[in-house]
Amino acid sequence: MNTTLQIRIDKKTKELAQKTFSAMGLDMSSGVKLYLTQVVNKQAIPFPVVSADYWPTKKKRQLIKEAEYALKHGPSYRTAKELHDDILGNR
């Protein structure tokens, strides 16, 4: 037997979630069902819940430095296929 779940969420988050689920071939209902199924299976939220706001300043600076270095010195790709091939070592 199915039941209905209603939630309130800001419009932008809903739209972005719909786009994300759609890119994965899911609709909003299926995405939420998938999430809730994982909560039940794991008996916990199925991902780490963290906020950068609570990271120490030293850690934030380190991450910014690493990101800036990666942007400047890291590889770049013209297509997702190039990136995928590089990750899989097919280059």
Protein backbone atom coordinates (compact mmCIF):
# COMPACT_ATOMS: atom_id res chain seq x y z
CA MET A 1 0.00 0.00 0.00
CA ASN A 2 1.38 3.41 -0.96
CA THR A 3 1.07 6.62 1.00
CA THR A 4 1.68 10.29 0.21
CA LEU A 5 4.56 12.38 1.53
CA GLN A 6 4.45 16.16 1.25
CA ILE A 7 7.44 18.37 1.99
CA ARG A 8 8.11 22.08 1.71
CA ILE A 9 11.36 23.09 0.05
CA ASP A 10 12.61 26.26 -1.59
CA LYS A 11 11.94 26.58 -5.31
CA LYS A 12 15.60 26.71 -6.40
CA THR A 13 16.54 23.52 -4.54
CA LYS A 14 13.52 21.73 -6.02
CA GLU A 15 14.40 22.84 -9.56
CA LEU A 16 18.06 21.85 -9.18
CA ALA A 17 17.10 18.48 -7.70
CA GLN A 18 14.68 17.85 -10.59
CA LYS A 19 17.44 18.65 -13.11
CA THR A 20 19.89 16.39 -11.30
CA PHE A 21 17.46 13.50 -11.05
CA SER A 22 16.46 13.97 -14.68
CA ALA A 23 20.11 13.75 -15.74
CA MET A 24 20.22 10.39 -13.96
CA GLY A 25 17.02 9.21 -15.65
CA LEU A 26 14.88 9.66 -12.55
CA ASP A 27 11.88 11.79 -11.71
CA MET A 28 11.58 13.61 -8.37
CA SER A 29 9.40 10.91 -6.83
CA SER A 30 11.85 8.13 -7.75
CA GLY A 31 14.80 10.17 -6.47
CA VAL A 32 13.15 10.77 -3.10
CA LYS A 33 12.12 7.09 -2.88
CA LEU A 34 15.71 6.09 -3.62
CA TYR A 35 17.00 8.38 -0.87
CA LEU A 36 14.48 7.13 1.69
CA THR A 37 15.21 3.51 0.79
CA GLN A 38 18.90 4.12 1.44
CA VAL A 39 18.08 5.75 4.80
CA VAL A 40 16.15 2.62 5.77
CA ASN A 41 18.79 0.21 4.44
CA LYS A 42 21.67 1.97 6.17
CA GLN A 43 19.68 3.06 9.22
CA ALA A 44 21.36 6.45 8.78
CA ILE A 45 21.68 9.32 6.34
CA PRO A 46 23.51 7.68 3.40
CA PHE A 47 26.23 10.30 3.07
CA PRO A 48 28.41 12.34 5.40
CA VAL A 49 26.66 15.48 6.60
CA VAL A 50 29.22 18.25 6.92
CA SER A 51 29.31 21.98 6.49
CA ALA A 52 32.35 23.92 5.38
CA ASP A 53 31.22 26.66 7.75
CA TYR A 54 32.38 24.51 10.65
CA TRP A 55 35.77 23.60 9.21
CA PRO A 56 38.76 25.28 10.82
CA THR A 57 40.10 28.31 8.94
CA LYS A 58 43.38 26.46 8.30
CA LYS A 59 41.49 23.63 6.56
CA LYS A 60 39.47 26.08 4.42
CA ARG A 61 42.64 27.88 3.32
CA GLN A 62 44.29 24.56 2.46
CA LEU A 63 41.32 23.51 0.32
CA ILE A 64 41.27 26.86 -1.50
CA LYS A 65 45.00 26.58 -2.16
CA GLU A 66 44.61 23.05 -3.52
CA ALA A 67 41.70 24.07 -5.75
CA GLU A 68 43.59 27.07 -7.13
CA TYR A 69 46.61 24.86 -7.87
CA ALA A 70 44.44 22.24 -9.58
CA LEU A 71 42.76 24.88 -11.73
CA LYS A 72 46.11 26.31 -12.78
CA HIS A 73 48.16 23.12 -13.20
CA GLY A 74 45.66 20.31 -13.56
CA PRO A 75 44.56 18.70 -16.81
CA SER A 76 41.71 20.16 -18.80
CA TYR A 77 39.29 18.37 -21.07
CA ARG A 78 37.22 19.43 -24.05
CA THR A 79 34.60 16.74 -23.56
CA ALA A 80 33.24 14.52 -20.82
CA LYS A 81 34.47 11.52 -22.83
CA GLU A 82 38.07 12.82 -22.62
CA LEU A 83 37.71 13.17 -18.85
CA HIS A 84 36.14 9.71 -18.55
CA ASP A 85 38.88 8.13 -20.68
CA ASP A 86 41.56 9.81 -18.57
CA ILE A 87 40.00 8.58 -15.33
CA LEU A 88 39.86 5.04 -16.72
CA GLY A 89 43.39 5.26 -18.09
CA ASN A 90 42.29 4.98 -21.72
CA ARG A 91 44.24 8.02 -22.87
